[in-house]
C-alpha atoms as a PDB file:
ATOM      1  CA  UNK A   1     -10.680   6.466  21.418  1.00  0.00           C
ATOM      2  CA  UNK A   2      -8.925   7.965  18.376  1.00  0.00           C
ATOM      3  CA  UNK A   3      -5.505   6.572  17.544  1.00  0.00           C
ATOM      4  CA  UNK A   4      -2.787   9.205  17.535  1.00  0.00           C
ATOM      5  CA  UNK A   5       0.995   9.286  17.031  1.00  0.00           C
ATOM      6  CA  UNK A   6       3.722  11.735  16.272  1.00  0.00           C
ATOM      7  CA  UNK A   7       5.455   9.020  14.142  1.00  0.00           C
ATOM      8  CA  UNK A   8       3.541   8.941  10.707  1.00  0.00           C
ATOM      9  CA  UNK A   9       4.896   5.466   9.793  1.00  0.00           C
ATOM     10  CA  UNK A  10       3.290   4.040  13.043  1.00  0.00           C
ATOM     11  CA  UNK A  11      -0.064   5.285  11.776  1.00  0.00           C
ATOM     12  CA  UNK A  12       0.394   3.377   8.492  1.00  0.00           C
ATOM     13  CA  UNK A  13       1.283   0.216  10.483  1.00  0.00           C
ATOM     14  CA  UNK A  14      -1.623   0.611  12.821  1.00  0.00           C
ATOM     15  CA  UNK A  15      -4.145   1.266   9.993  1.00  0.00           C
ATOM     16  CA  UNK A  16      -2.720  -1.819   8.179  1.00  0.00           C
ATOM     17  CA  UNK A  17      -3.078  -3.955  11.328  1.00  0.00           C
ATOM     18  CA  UNK A  18      -6.739  -2.929  12.152  1.00  0.00           C
ATOM     19  CA  UNK A  19      -8.325  -1.328   9.137  1.00  0.00           C
ATOM     20  CA  UNK A  20      -7.513  -2.838   5.822  1.00  0.00           C
ATOM     21  CA  UNK A  21     -11.010  -4.373   5.435  1.00  0.00           C
ATOM     22  CA  UNK A  22     -12.619  -0.984   6.122  1.00  0.00           C
ATOM     23  CA  UNK A  23     -13.475   0.406   2.657  1.00  0.00           C
ATOM     24  CA  UNK A  24     -13.276   3.951   1.612  1.00  0.00           C
ATOM     25  CA  UNK A  25     -10.952   6.947   1.537  1.00  0.00           C
ATOM     26  CA  UNK A  26      -9.009   7.794   4.674  1.00  0.00           C
ATOM     27  CA  UNK A  27      -7.407  11.013   5.833  1.00  0.00           C
ATOM     28  CA  UNK A  28      -4.826  11.750   8.502  1.00  0.00           C
ATOM     29  CA  UNK A  29      -5.566  14.627  10.830  1.00  0.00           C
ATOM     30  CA  UNK A  30      -2.694  16.653  12.262  1.00  0.00           C
ATOM     31  CA  UNK A  31      -3.642  17.882  15.709  1.00  0.00           C
ATOM     32  CA  UNK A  32      -2.424  20.115  18.481  1.00  0.00           C
ATOM     33  CA  UNK A  33      -2.167  18.169  21.676  1.00  0.00           C
ATOM     34  CA  UNK A  34      -2.102  21.362  23.665  1.00  0.00           C
ATOM     35  CA  UNK A  35      -5.205  22.680  21.995  1.00  0.00           C
ATOM     36  CA  UNK A  36      -6.950  19.375  22.739  1.00  0.00           C
ATOM     37  CA  UNK A  37      -6.147  19.884  26.393  1.00  0.00           C
ATOM     38  CA  UNK A  38      -7.302  23.439  26.253  1.00  0.00           C
ATOM     39  CA  UNK A  39     -10.747  22.369  25.041  1.00  0.00           C
ATOM     40  CA  UNK A  40     -11.019  19.499  27.709  1.00  0.00           C
ATOM     41  CA  UNK A  41     -10.317  16.607  25.461  1.00  0.00           C
ATOM     42  CA  UNK A  42      -8.277  13.882  27.229  1.00  0.00           C
ATOM     43  CA  UNK A  43      -5.160  12.332  25.556  1.00  0.00           C
ATOM     44  CA  UNK A  44      -3.617   9.437  27.331  1.00  0.00           C
ATOM     45  CA  UNK A  45      -0.290   7.842  26.495  1.00  0.00           C
ATOM     46  CA  UNK A  46      -0.737   4.108  26.959  1.00  0.00           C
ATOM     47  CA  UNK A  47       0.179   0.782  25.617  1.00  0.00           C
ATOM     48  CA  UNK A  48      -1.353  -0.573  22.433  1.00  0.00           C
ATOM     49  CA  UNK A  49      -5.072  -1.509  22.838  1.00  0.00           C
ATOM     50  CA  UNK A  50      -7.242  -3.859  20.750  1.00  0.00           C
ATOM     51  CA  UNK A  51      -9.746  -2.596  18.280  1.00  0.00           C
ATOM     52  CA  UNK A  52     -12.960  -4.636  18.587  1.00  0.00           C
ATOM     53  CA  UNK A  53     -11.899  -8.241  18.326  1.00  0.00           C
ATOM     54  CA  UNK A  54      -8.685  -7.498  16.705  1.00  0.00           C
ATOM     55  CA  UNK A  55      -5.745  -7.943  19.243  1.00  0.00           C
ATOM     56  CA  UNK A  56      -2.580  -5.774  19.063  1.00  0.00           C
ATOM     57  CA  UNK A  57       0.508  -6.904  17.342  1.00  0.00           C
ATOM     58  CA  UNK A  58       2.855  -9.088  19.509  1.00  0.00           C
ATOM     59  CA  UNK A  59       5.771  -6.838  18.270  1.00  0.00           C
ATOM     60  CA  UNK A  60       3.965  -3.808  19.803  1.00  0.00           C
ATOM     61  CA  UNK A  61       3.541  -5.529  23.131  1.00  0.00           C
ATOM     62  CA  UNK A  62       7.140  -6.771  23.205  1.00  0.00           C
ATOM     63  CA  UNK A  63       8.597  -3.361  22.346  1.00  0.00           C
ATOM     64  CA  UNK A  64       6.207  -1.705  24.812  1.00  0.00           C
ATOM     65  CA  UNK A  65       4.801   0.614  22.062  1.00  0.00           C
ATOM     66  CA  UNK A  66       3.224   3.711  23.720  1.00  0.00           C
ATOM     67  CA  UNK A  67       0.380   5.309  21.774  1.00  0.00           C
ATOM     68  CA  UNK A  68      -1.380   8.485  22.461  1.00  0.00           C
ATOM     69  CA  UNK A  69      -5.161   7.756  22.540  1.00  0.00           C
ATOM     70  CA  UNK A  70      -7.575  10.633  22.372  1.00  0.00           C
ATOM     71  CA  UNK A  71     -10.858  10.216  24.419  1.00  0.00           C
ATOM     72  CA  UNK A  72     -13.724  12.608  23.850  1.00  0.00           C
ATOM     73  CA  UNK A  73     -13.852  13.402  20.103  1.00  0.00           C
ATOM     74  CA  UNK A  74     -11.837  15.702  17.876  1.00  0.00           C
ATOM     75  CA  UNK A  75     -13.327  19.217  17.597  1.00  0.00           C
ATOM     76  CA  UNK A  76     -12.663  20.708  14.164  1.00  0.00           C
ATOM     77  CA  UNK A  77     -13.763  24.330  14.521  1.00  0.00           C
ATOM     78  CA  UNK A  78     -10.834  26.326  13.214  1.00  0.00           C
ATOM     79  CA  UNK A  79     -11.018  28.889  16.021  1.00  0.00           C
ATOM     80  CA  UNK A  80     -10.079  26.141  18.586  1.00  0.00           C
ATOM     81  CA  UNK A  81      -6.751  25.421  16.896  1.00  0.00           C
ATOM     82  CA  UNK A  82      -7.090  21.694  17.316  1.00  0.00           C
ATOM     83  CA  UNK A  83      -7.055  20.617  13.679  1.00  0.00           C
ATOM     84  CA  UNK A  84      -3.813  21.986  12.162  1.00  0.00           C
ATOM     85  CA  UNK A  85      -3.669  19.976   8.861  1.00  0.00           C
ATOM     86  CA  UNK A  86      -5.476  17.285   6.841  1.00  0.00           C
ATOM     87  CA  UNK A  87      -3.487  14.829   4.755  1.00  0.00           C
ATOM     88  CA  UNK A  88      -4.935  12.134   2.400  1.00  0.00           C
ATOM     89  CA  UNK A  89      -3.848   8.489   2.960  1.00  0.00           C
ATOM     90  CA  UNK A  90      -3.233   6.381  -0.131  1.00  0.00           C
ATOM     91  CA  UNK A  91      -4.292   2.646  -0.314  1.00  0.00           C
ATOM     92  CA  UNK A  92      -3.840  -0.130  -2.820  1.00  0.00           C
ATOM     93  CA  UNK A  93      -6.694  -2.163  -4.420  1.00  0.00           C
ATOM     94  CA  UNK A  94      -6.522  -4.688  -1.499  1.00  0.00           C
ATOM     95  CA  UNK A  95      -7.069  -2.069   1.136  1.00  0.00           C
ATOM     96  CA  UNK A  96      -3.555  -1.773   2.404  1.00  0.00           C
ATOM     97  CA  UNK A  97      -2.399   1.646   3.461  1.00  0.00           C
ATOM     98  CA  UNK A  98       0.625   2.865   1.605  1.00  0.00           C
ATOM     99  CA  UNK A  99       1.438   6.346   2.738  1.00  0.00           C
ATOM    100  CA  UNK A 100       0.256   9.623   4.093  1.00  0.00           C
ATOM    101  CA  UNK A 101       0.587  12.186   1.367  1.00  0.00           C
ATOM    102  CA  UNK A 102       3.310  14.760   2.174  1.00  0.00           C
ATOM    103  CA  UNK A 103       4.584  12.803   5.249  1.00  0.00           C
ATOM    104  CA  UNK A 104       5.571   9.288   4.309  1.00  0.00           C
ATOM    105  CA  UNK A 105       5.904   9.362   0.496  1.00  0.00           C
END
């Protein structure tokens, strides 16, 4: 699945929990949930789920954090209207995610 949220700071927290050891540049995709539905992509609001062997944060479980998870890929053809904006994510030298340019800075 693809992690999704309408709360940008949650994306930073999720990225720092699961992906700091994954090297490289990262981007944040702004998507239209209705356009995903229109092209048959399933989005399910559910509790936090582990990624590989990494468990979810106890805080997320205790607070019953609900996350939209996209199952089935993210089509990027402009005519479909799914992808509405692309934003860069900044990281420090240790791989920590700092912000989403234009949203959390």
